[in-house]
Amino acid sequence: MAFFDELAARIETADSVVSVGLDPDPDRIPDFLDGDLPRWGFNRRVIDATHEHAACYKPNAAFYEDPDGWRALEETVAYAHGKGVPVLLDAKRGDIGNTARQYASVLDTVDAITVNPYLGEDSLQPFLSRSDAGVFVLARTSNPGARDFQNLEVGNDKRLYEYVAQRAAEWSDGNVGLVVGATAPEELEAVRELVPDLPFLVPGVGAQGGDAEAAVEHGLADGVGLVNSSRGIIFAGEETSEESAYFDAAGDAARRLKRRLNEYR
C-alpha cells in the first residue's frame, strides 16, 4: 500500500491527525529507564500510552545516530508497526549520487521521510522513486530563522518556500507531501492555495505554540495530513517521578491534542 493511502486509513481508524514525535533526548529520559536500550524502553512506553491517538509516529534521526540509537530506532519502528501505526523518519536528508541512494535505503525500514530540496530534484530522486514511501519536502519550517532564506522573493511575486511547494507538486507521483510549520499560519495558508492536493506535515503545535486551527484548516488535503507534537506529548509527565503516572501523562497529552485538532476537522 502506498504511504498516503496507508496514512488515510490510519487517520480514519484512529480518528486522528496527530503525529507523535519520538525524540528521546537522553538528558530527559527518566532515571527509572536505565536498561540496555533506554531510548527504546522510553519509546515503547510512549507508544503503549499514545497509539490509540496517533496517526503516525515521527522519530527524529538526530536522537538515534549512534549504534545503540539505531538499534533503538529499529525496535521502535517494528513496535509501532505492530500497533498498526506508520512511521515517518524526520531526517531532512538531501544529497547527490551514491550518498542520496544510501540515505534513501532507510525507506526499507520506515514508511516516510523528510527531505531537504536545496540541492535540487536530482538529489531527491532516490526518495521520489520509491512510490510506496512518503516523501515530505521542507517548504516553510517552524523555526524563527526560517525567514532568513525561505521568505526571500525569487521572482514572479513568489517567495522561495512557495516556489519549493510548486516544484514539489510537480515531482509528486502521489507520494510527496510538504513540511509547513504551524508557527507561520499566513504562510501555511499561502502554500495550501498553491498546492491544494499535497498533504502537509505541520510541526510546531505544542511546545512551539503553533496555530492548531490553521494547522488543520490548511494542513489537510482531502482529510489527509499530520500535525506533530513531540516534547509536548512525550515529556508531559516530567513533573512526576512515578513511572505509570509519567506515561499516563503522555497518553493524556496525545488525547487532548487529538480532541483539540478534531474540533477543526
C-alpha atoms as a PDB file:
ATOM      1  CA  MET A   1       0.000   0.000   0.000  1.00  0.00           C
ATOM      2  CA  ALA A   2       1.286   3.475  -0.859  1.00  0.00           C
ATOM      3  CA  PHE A   3       2.134   5.591   2.182  1.00  0.00           C
ATOM      4  CA  PHE A   4      -0.587   8.212   1.831  1.00  0.00           C
ATOM      5  CA  ASP A   5      -3.229   5.512   1.339  1.00  0.00           C
ATOM      6  CA  GLU A   6      -1.940   3.807   4.480  1.00  0.00           C
ATOM      7  CA  LEU A   7      -1.965   7.120   6.311  1.00  0.00           C
ATOM      8  CA  ALA A   8      -5.534   7.871   5.221  1.00  0.00           C
ATOM      9  CA  ALA A   9      -6.645   4.505   6.547  1.00  0.00           C
ATOM     10  CA  ARG A  10      -4.840   5.093   9.837  1.00  0.00           C
ATOM     11  CA  ILE A  11      -6.367   8.563  10.221  1.00  0.00           C
ATOM     12  CA  GLU A  12      -9.819   7.054   9.788  1.00  0.00           C
ATOM     13  CA  THR A  13      -9.119   4.200  12.237  1.00  0.00           C
ATOM     14  CA  ALA A  14      -7.666   6.433  14.960  1.00  0.00           C
ATOM     15  CA  ASP A  15      -9.940   9.403  14.170  1.00  0.00           C
ATOM     16  CA  SER A  16      -6.780  11.457  14.498  1.00  0.00           C
ATOM     17  CA  VAL A  17      -4.257  13.513  12.542  1.00  0.00           C
ATOM     18  CA  VAL A  18      -1.796  13.607  15.451  1.00  0.00           C
ATOM     19  CA  SER A  19       1.829  12.829  14.713  1.00  0.00           C
ATOM     20  CA  VAL A  20       3.722  11.973  17.894  1.00  0.00           C
ATOM     21  CA  GLY A  21       7.367  12.972  17.683  1.00  0.00           C
ATOM     22  CA  LEU A  22       9.585  10.326  19.273  1.00  0.00           C
ATOM     23  CA  ASP A  23      12.621  12.393  20.243  1.00  0.00           C
ATOM     24  CA  PRO A  24      14.041  10.608  23.312  1.00  0.00           C
ATOM     25  CA  ASP A  25      16.597  13.159  24.467  1.00  0.00           C
ATOM     26  CA  PRO A  26      18.989  11.120  26.667  1.00  0.00           C
ATOM     27  CA  ASP A  27      19.218  14.029  29.109  1.00  0.00           C
ATOM     28  CA  ARG A  28      15.456  13.932  29.671  1.00  0.00           C
ATOM     29  CA  ILE A  29      14.787  10.199  29.809  1.00  0.00           C
ATOM     30  CA  PRO A  30      13.672   9.450  33.392  1.00  0.00           C
ATOM     31  CA  ASP A  31      16.027   7.603  35.718  1.00  0.00           C
ATOM     32  CA  PHE A  32      13.717   4.613  36.076  1.00  0.00           C
ATOM     33  CA  LEU A  33      14.516   3.670  32.457  1.00  0.00           C
ATOM     34  CA  ASP A  34      18.122   2.519  32.823  1.00  0.00           C
ATOM     35  CA  GLY A  35      18.128  -0.736  30.864  1.00  0.00           C
ATOM     36  CA  ASP A  36      20.251  -1.800  27.909  1.00  0.00           C
ATOM     37  CA  LEU A  37      18.463   0.495  25.424  1.00  0.00           C
ATOM     38  CA  PRO A  38      16.778   3.259  27.419  1.00  0.00           C
ATOM     39  CA  ARG A  39      15.646   5.120  24.294  1.00  0.00           C
ATOM     40  CA  TRP A  40      13.852   2.011  23.107  1.00  0.00           C
ATOM     41  CA  GLY A  41      12.370   1.428  26.558  1.00  0.00           C
ATOM     42  CA  PHE A  42      11.162   5.032  26.643  1.00  0.00           C
ATOM     43  CA  ASN A  43       9.644   4.876  23.151  1.00  0.00           C
ATOM     44  CA  ARG A  44       7.908   1.580  23.873  1.00  0.00           C
ATOM     45  CA  ARG A  45       6.159   3.047  26.893  1.00  0.00           C
ATOM     46  CA  VAL A  46       5.218   6.194  24.956  1.00  0.00           C
ATOM     47  CA  ILE A  47       3.774   4.086  22.133  1.00  0.00           C
ATOM     48  CA  ASP A  48       1.816   1.972  24.617  1.00  0.00           C
ATOM     49  CA  ALA A  49       0.350   5.168  26.091  1.00  0.00           C
ATOM     50  CA  THR A  50      -0.382   7.047  22.858  1.00  0.00           C
ATOM     51  CA  HIS A  51      -1.005   4.649  19.982  1.00  0.00           C
ATOM     52  CA  GLU A  52      -4.794   4.906  20.215  1.00  0.00           C
ATOM     53  CA  HIS A  53      -4.490   8.616  19.438  1.00  0.00           C
ATOM     54  CA  ALA A  54      -1.615   8.566  16.929  1.00  0.00           C
ATOM     55  CA  ALA A  55      -1.991   8.722  13.161  1.00  0.00           C
ATOM     56  CA  CYS A  56       1.775   8.440  12.830  1.00  0.00           C
ATOM     57  CA  TYR A  57       4.999   8.394  14.821  1.00  0.00           C
ATOM     58  CA  LYS A  58       7.816  10.743  13.838  1.00  0.00           C
ATOM     59  CA  PRO A  59      11.227   9.890  15.302  1.00  0.00           C
ATOM     60  CA  ASN A  60      13.895  12.495  14.614  1.00  0.00           C
ATOM     61  CA  ALA A  61      17.083  10.855  13.347  1.00  0.00           C
ATOM     62  CA  ALA A  62      19.286  13.154  15.434  1.00  0.00           C
ATOM     63  CA  PHE A  63      18.308  11.275  18.593  1.00  0.00           C
ATOM     64  CA  TYR A  64      19.390   7.892  17.187  1.00  0.00           C
ATOM     65  CA  GLU A  65      22.668   8.474  15.366  1.00  0.00           C
ATOM     66  CA  ASP A  66      24.898   6.076  17.285  1.00  0.00           C
ATOM     67  CA  PRO A  67      24.996   2.240  17.351  1.00  0.00           C
ATOM     68  CA  ASP A  68      22.620   1.840  20.292  1.00  0.00           C
ATOM     69  CA  GLY A  69      20.430   4.562  18.859  1.00  0.00           C
ATOM     70  CA  TRP A  70      19.911   2.799  15.547  1.00  0.00           C
ATOM     71  CA  ARG A  71      19.095  -0.424  17.397  1.00  0.00           C
ATOM     72  CA  ALA A  72      16.568   1.525  19.465  1.00  0.00           C
ATOM     73  CA  LEU A  73      15.093   3.049  16.312  1.00  0.00           C
ATOM     74  CA  GLU A  74      14.685  -0.321  14.597  1.00  0.00           C
ATOM     75  CA  GLU A  75      12.924  -1.727  17.661  1.00  0.00           C
ATOM     76  CA  THR A  76      10.739   1.376  17.840  1.00  0.00           C
ATOM     77  CA  VAL A  77       9.676   1.142  14.192  1.00  0.00           C
ATOM     78  CA  ALA A  78       8.831  -2.546  14.490  1.00  0.00           C
ATOM     79  CA  TYR A  79       6.824  -1.924  17.668  1.00  0.00           C
ATOM     80  CA  ALA A  80       4.876   0.969  16.127  1.00  0.00           C
ATOM     81  CA  HIS A  81       4.093  -1.174  13.083  1.00  0.00           C
ATOM     82  CA  GLY A  82       2.858  -3.871  15.440  1.00  0.00           C
ATOM     83  CA  LYS A  83       0.346  -1.334  16.763  1.00  0.00           C
ATOM     84  CA  GLY A  84      -0.751  -0.517  13.233  1.00  0.00           C
ATOM     85  CA  VAL A  85       0.855   2.951  13.178  1.00  0.00           C
ATOM     86  CA  PRO A  86       3.105   4.124  10.316  1.00  0.00           C
ATOM     87  CA  VAL A  87       6.474   5.745  10.996  1.00  0.00           C
ATOM     88  CA  LEU A  88       7.866   8.900   9.405  1.00  0.00           C
ATOM     89  CA  LEU A  89      11.597   9.470   9.939  1.00  0.00           C
ATOM     90  CA  ASP A  90      12.395  13.152  10.369  1.00  0.00           C
ATOM     91  CA  ALA A  91      15.851  13.115   8.813  1.00  0.00           C
ATOM     92  CA  LYS A  92      15.834  16.132   6.461  1.00  0.00           C
ATOM     93  CA  ARG A  93      18.097  14.324   4.019  1.00  0.00           C
ATOM     94  CA  GLY A  94      19.299  15.812   0.759  1.00  0.00           C
ATOM     95  CA  ASP A  95      22.450  14.893  -1.159  1.00  0.00           C
ATOM     96  CA  ILE A  96      23.592  13.614  -4.535  1.00  0.00           C
ATOM     97  CA  GLY A  97      24.591  10.368  -6.196  1.00  0.00           C
ATOM     98  CA  ASN A  98      25.555   7.387  -4.085  1.00  0.00           C
ATOM     99  CA  THR A  99      25.099   9.367  -0.865  1.00  0.00           C
ATOM    100  CA  ALA A 100      21.464  10.073  -1.638  1.00  0.00           C
ATOM    101  CA  ARG A 101      20.888   6.439  -2.551  1.00  0.00           C
ATOM    102  CA  GLN A 102      22.366   5.347   0.771  1.00  0.00           C
ATOM    103  CA  TYR A 103      20.202   7.804   2.675  1.00  0.00           C
ATOM    104  CA  ALA A 104      17.121   6.570   0.806  1.00  0.00           C
ATOM    105  CA  SER A 105      17.793   2.968   1.840  1.00  0.00           C
ATOM    106  CA  VAL A 106      16.268   3.763   5.244  1.00  0.00           C
ATOM    107  CA  LEU A 107      12.901   3.615   3.452  1.00  0.00           C
ATOM    108  CA  ASP A 108      13.291  -0.154   3.599  1.00  0.00           C
ATOM    109  CA  THR A 109      12.622   0.254   7.346  1.00  0.00           C
ATOM    110  CA  VAL A 110      10.420   3.331   7.785  1.00  0.00           C
ATOM    111  CA  ASP A 111       7.348   4.384   5.813  1.00  0.00           C
ATOM    112  CA  ALA A 112       8.188   8.003   5.038  1.00  0.00           C
ATOM    113  CA  ILE A 113      10.958  10.564   5.412  1.00  0.00           C
ATOM    114  CA  THR A 114      11.536  14.315   5.415  1.00  0.00           C
ATOM    115  CA  VAL A 115      13.945  15.668   2.788  1.00  0.00           C
ATOM    116  CA  ASN A 116      15.720  18.941   2.060  1.00  0.00           C
ATOM    117  CA  PRO A 117      15.257  20.216  -1.520  1.00  0.00           C
ATOM    118  CA  TYR A 118      18.178  22.675  -1.502  1.00  0.00           C
ATOM    119  CA  LEU A 119      20.313  20.547  -3.841  1.00  0.00           C
ATOM    120  CA  GLY A 120      17.517  20.195  -6.374  1.00  0.00           C
ATOM    121  CA  GLU A 121      15.392  17.466  -7.903  1.00  0.00           C
ATOM    122  CA  ASP A 122      18.202  15.040  -8.725  1.00  0.00           C
ATOM    123  CA  SER A 123      19.210  14.906  -5.047  1.00  0.00           C
ATOM    124  CA  LEU A 124      15.707  13.698  -4.175  1.00  0.00           C
ATOM    125  CA  GLN A 125      15.237  11.176  -6.977  1.00  0.00           C
ATOM    126  CA  PRO A 126      16.293   8.145  -4.871  1.00  0.00           C
ATOM    127  CA  PHE A 127      13.483   9.073  -2.459  1.00  0.00           C
ATOM    128  CA  LEU A 128      10.920  10.133  -5.071  1.00  0.00           C
ATOM    129  CA  SER A 129      11.440   6.886  -6.987  1.00  0.00           C
ATOM    130  CA  ARG A 130      10.035   4.956  -4.026  1.00  0.00           C
ATOM    131  CA  SER A 131       6.372   5.161  -4.969  1.00  0.00           C
ATOM    132  CA  ASP A 132       5.413   3.154  -1.880  1.00  0.00           C
ATOM    133  CA  ALA A 133       7.016   5.636   0.535  1.00  0.00           C
ATOM    134  CA  GLY A 134       6.057   9.134   1.642  1.00  0.00           C
ATOM    135  CA  VAL A 135       8.464  11.984   0.925  1.00  0.00           C
ATOM    136  CA  PHE A 136       7.877  15.220   2.854  1.00  0.00           C
ATOM    137  CA  VAL A 137       9.775  18.125   1.309  1.00  0.00           C
ATOM    138  CA  LEU A 138      10.786  21.027   3.550  1.00  0.00           C
ATOM    139  CA  ALA A 139       8.954  24.152   2.395  1.00  0.00           C
ATOM    140  CA  ARG A 140       8.240  26.617   5.243  1.00  0.00           C
ATOM    141  CA  THR A 141       9.644  25.315   8.503  1.00  0.00           C
ATOM    142  CA  SER A 142       8.517  26.237  12.017  1.00  0.00           C
ATOM    143  CA  ASN A 143      11.727  27.749  13.434  1.00  0.00           C
ATOM    144  CA  PRO A 144      12.255  31.547  13.739  1.00  0.00           C
ATOM    145  CA  GLY A 145      15.234  31.515  11.367  1.00  0.00           C
ATOM    146  CA  ALA A 146      13.143  30.057   8.551  1.00  0.00           C
ATOM    147  CA  ARG A 147      12.528  33.557   7.234  1.00  0.00           C
ATOM    148  CA  ASP A 148      16.256  34.108   6.606  1.00  0.00           C
ATOM    149  CA  PHE A 149      16.075  32.220   3.315  1.00  0.00           C
ATOM    150  CA  GLN A 150      12.644  30.666   2.884  1.00  0.00           C
ATOM    151  CA  ASN A 151      10.875  34.041   2.690  1.00  0.00           C
ATOM    152  CA  LEU A 152      13.212  35.525   0.079  1.00  0.00           C
ATOM    153  CA  GLU A 153      11.467  36.694  -3.100  1.00  0.00           C
ATOM    154  CA  VAL A 154      12.726  34.672  -6.065  1.00  0.00           C
ATOM    155  CA  GLY A 155      10.664  36.155  -8.901  1.00  0.00           C
ATOM    156  CA  ASN A 156       7.113  36.055 -10.231  1.00  0.00           C
ATOM    157  CA  ASP A 157       5.979  37.509  -6.882  1.00  0.00           C
ATOM    158  CA  LYS A 158       6.858  34.201  -5.254  1.00  0.00           C
ATOM    159  CA  ARG A 159       8.831  33.568  -2.118  1.00  0.00           C
ATOM    160  CA  LEU A 160      11.281  30.688  -2.020  1.00  0.00           C
ATOM    161  CA  TYR A 161       9.039  28.448   0.107  1.00  0.00           C
ATOM    162  CA  GLU A 162       6.184  28.958  -2.384  1.00  0.00           C
ATOM    163  CA  TYR A 163       8.405  28.050  -5.323  1.00  0.00           C
ATOM    164  CA  VAL A 164       9.617  24.935  -3.481  1.00  0.00           C
ATOM    165  CA  ALA A 165       5.999  23.930  -2.868  1.00  0.00           C
ATOM    166  CA  GLN A 166       5.128  24.276  -6.541  1.00  0.00           C
ATOM    167  CA  ARG A 167       8.144  22.305  -7.681  1.00  0.00           C
ATOM    168  CA  ALA A 168       7.451  19.564  -5.148  1.00  0.00           C
ATOM    169  CA  ALA A 169       3.937  19.228  -6.542  1.00  0.00           C
ATOM    170  CA  GLU A 170       5.460  18.727  -9.998  1.00  0.00           C
ATOM    171  CA  TRP A 171       7.739  15.980  -8.643  1.00  0.00           C
ATOM    172  CA  SER A 172       4.935  14.063  -6.982  1.00  0.00           C
ATOM    173  CA  ASP A 173       3.642  10.732  -8.185  1.00  0.00           C
ATOM    174  CA  GLY A 174       1.167  10.629  -5.339  1.00  0.00           C
ATOM    175  CA  ASN A 175       3.995  10.171  -2.839  1.00  0.00           C
ATOM    176  CA  VAL A 176       5.016  13.751  -1.953  1.00  0.00           C
ATOM    177  CA  GLY A 177       3.941  15.960   0.920  1.00  0.00           C
ATOM    178  CA  LEU A 178       5.301  19.195   2.360  1.00  0.00           C
ATOM    179  CA  VAL A 179       6.614  20.309   5.728  1.00  0.00           C
ATOM    180  CA  VAL A 180       4.922  23.611   6.593  1.00  0.00           C
ATOM    181  CA  GLY A 181       5.032  24.943  10.143  1.00  0.00           C
ATOM    182  CA  ALA A 182       2.051  25.918  12.266  1.00  0.00           C
ATOM    183  CA  THR A 183       4.027  28.855  13.670  1.00  0.00           C
ATOM    184  CA  ALA A 184       3.524  30.749  10.386  1.00  0.00           C
ATOM    185  CA  PRO A 185      -0.233  30.431   9.702  1.00  0.00           C
ATOM    186  CA  GLU A 186      -0.319  33.024   6.913  1.00  0.00           C
ATOM    187  CA  GLU A 187       2.422  31.208   5.029  1.00  0.00           C
ATOM    188  CA  LEU A 188       0.664  27.908   5.715  1.00  0.00           C
ATOM    189  CA  GLU A 189      -2.471  29.263   4.077  1.00  0.00           C
ATOM    190  CA  ALA A 190      -0.487  30.638   1.138  1.00  0.00           C
ATOM    191  CA  VAL A 191       1.140  27.268   0.460  1.00  0.00           C
ATOM    192  CA  ARG A 192      -2.195  25.467   0.611  1.00  0.00           C
ATOM    193  CA  GLU A 193      -3.617  27.816  -2.019  1.00  0.00           C
ATOM    194  CA  LEU A 194      -0.705  26.984  -4.318  1.00  0.00           C
ATOM    195  CA  VAL A 195      -0.785  23.195  -3.855  1.00  0.00           C
ATOM    196  CA  PRO A 196      -4.319  22.095  -2.970  1.00  0.00           C
ATOM    197  CA  ASP A 197      -3.614  18.374  -3.302  1.00  0.00           C
ATOM    198  CA  LEU A 198      -0.442  17.775  -1.271  1.00  0.00           C
ATOM    199  CA  PRO A 199      -0.716  16.549   2.330  1.00  0.00           C
ATOM    200  CA  PHE A 200       1.279  18.560   4.856  1.00  0.00           C
ATOM    201  CA  LEU A 201       3.289  17.603   7.893  1.00  0.00           C
ATOM    202  CA  VAL A 202       2.687  20.545  10.204  1.00  0.00           C
ATOM    203  CA  PRO A 203       5.174  20.849  13.074  1.00  0.00           C
ATOM    204  CA  GLY A 204       5.143  23.489  15.771  1.00  0.00           C
ATOM    205  CA  VAL A 205       1.874  22.737  17.572  1.00  0.00           C
ATOM    206  CA  GLY A 206       2.742  22.103  21.192  1.00  0.00           C
ATOM    207  CA  ALA A 207       5.981  23.365  22.722  1.00  0.00           C
ATOM    208  CA  GLN A 208       6.464  25.883  19.875  1.00  0.00           C
ATOM    209  CA  GLY A 209       2.973  27.339  20.304  1.00  0.00           C
ATOM    210  CA  GLY A 210       1.786  26.989  16.697  1.00  0.00           C
ATOM    211  CA  ASP A 211      -1.743  27.660  15.459  1.00  0.00           C
ATOM    212  CA  ALA A 212      -3.761  24.437  15.828  1.00  0.00           C
ATOM    213  CA  GLU A 213      -6.783  25.698  13.893  1.00  0.00           C
ATOM    214  CA  ALA A 214      -4.659  26.816  10.923  1.00  0.00           C
ATOM    215  CA  ALA A 215      -2.730  23.544  11.066  1.00  0.00           C
ATOM    216  CA  VAL A 216      -5.927  21.582  10.488  1.00  0.00           C
ATOM    217  CA  GLU A 217      -7.678  24.006   8.156  1.00  0.00           C
ATOM    218  CA  HIS A 218      -4.725  24.303   5.787  1.00  0.00           C
ATOM    219  CA  GLY A 219      -2.651  21.225   6.584  1.00  0.00           C
ATOM    220  CA  LEU A 220      -5.034  18.541   5.345  1.00  0.00           C
ATOM    221  CA  ALA A 221      -5.624  17.577   1.720  1.00  0.00           C
ATOM    222  CA  ASP A 222      -8.840  15.603   1.342  1.00  0.00           C
ATOM    223  CA  GLY A 223      -8.609  14.860   5.049  1.00  0.00           C
ATOM    224  CA  VAL A 224      -5.024  13.588   4.902  1.00  0.00           C
ATOM    225  CA  GLY A 225      -2.154  15.292   6.704  1.00  0.00           C
ATOM    226  CA  LEU A 226      -0.325  15.308  10.014  1.00  0.00           C
ATOM    227  CA  VAL A 227       0.011  17.772  12.873  1.00  0.00           C
ATOM    228  CA  ASN A 228       3.028  16.990  15.008  1.00  0.00           C
ATOM    229  CA  SER A 229       3.810  17.446  18.662  1.00  0.00           C
ATOM    230  CA  SER A 230       6.955  15.986  20.208  1.00  0.00           C
ATOM    231  CA  ARG A 231       8.059  17.405  23.559  1.00  0.00           C
ATOM    232  CA  GLY A 232       4.539  18.474  24.450  1.00  0.00           C
ATOM    233  CA  ILE A 233       3.474  14.813  24.458  1.00  0.00           C
ATOM    234  CA  ILE A 234       6.430  12.614  25.283  1.00  0.00           C
ATOM    235  CA  PHE A 235       7.682  14.747  28.185  1.00  0.00           C
ATOM    236  CA  ALA A 236       4.280  15.744  29.513  1.00  0.00           C
ATOM    237  CA  GLY A 237       4.905  13.706  32.671  1.00  0.00           C
ATOM    238  CA  GLU A 238       8.227  15.236  33.686  1.00  0.00           C
ATOM    239  CA  GLU A 239       6.768  16.683  36.877  1.00  0.00           C
ATOM    240  CA  THR A 240       6.253  13.191  38.317  1.00  0.00           C
ATOM    241  CA  SER A 241       8.812  10.559  39.277  1.00  0.00           C
ATOM    242  CA  GLU A 242       6.237   7.732  39.298  1.00  0.00           C
ATOM    243  CA  GLU A 243       6.575   5.556  36.207  1.00  0.00           C
ATOM    244  CA  SER A 244       2.949   4.823  35.388  1.00  0.00           C
ATOM    245  CA  ALA A 245       1.920   8.442  36.001  1.00  0.00           C
ATOM    246  CA  TYR A 246       4.735   9.637  33.740  1.00  0.00           C
ATOM    247  CA  PHE A 247       3.469   7.738  30.725  1.00  0.00           C
ATOM    248  CA  ASP A 248      -0.189   8.261  31.578  1.00  0.00           C
ATOM    249  CA  ALA A 249       0.560  11.957  31.159  1.00  0.00           C
ATOM    250  CA  ALA A 250       1.891  11.315  27.660  1.00  0.00           C
ATOM    251  CA  GLY A 251      -1.289   9.444  26.769  1.00  0.00           C
ATOM    252  CA  ASP A 252      -3.430  12.244  28.194  1.00  0.00           C
ATOM    253  CA  ALA A 253      -1.475  14.852  26.214  1.00  0.00           C
ATOM    254  CA  ALA A 254      -1.950  12.932  22.962  1.00  0.00           C
ATOM    255  CA  ARG A 255      -5.654  12.519  23.691  1.00  0.00           C
ATOM    256  CA  ARG A 256      -6.089  16.229  24.402  1.00  0.00           C
ATOM    257  CA  LEU A 257      -4.291  17.212  21.209  1.00  0.00           C
ATOM    258  CA  LYS A 258      -6.412  14.813  19.176  1.00  0.00           C
ATOM    259  CA  ARG A 259      -9.597  16.305  20.620  1.00  0.00           C
ATOM    260  CA  ARG A 260      -8.333  19.828  20.064  1.00  0.00           C
ATOM    261  CA  LEU A 261      -7.461  19.166  16.427  1.00  0.00           C
ATOM    262  CA  ASN A 262     -10.687  17.279  15.779  1.00  0.00           C
ATOM    263  CA  GLU A 263     -12.646  20.389  16.714  1.00  0.00           C
ATOM    264  CA  TYR A 264     -11.421  21.891  13.426  1.00  0.00           C
ATOM    265  CA  ARG A 265     -11.622  18.829  11.161  1.00  0.00           C
END
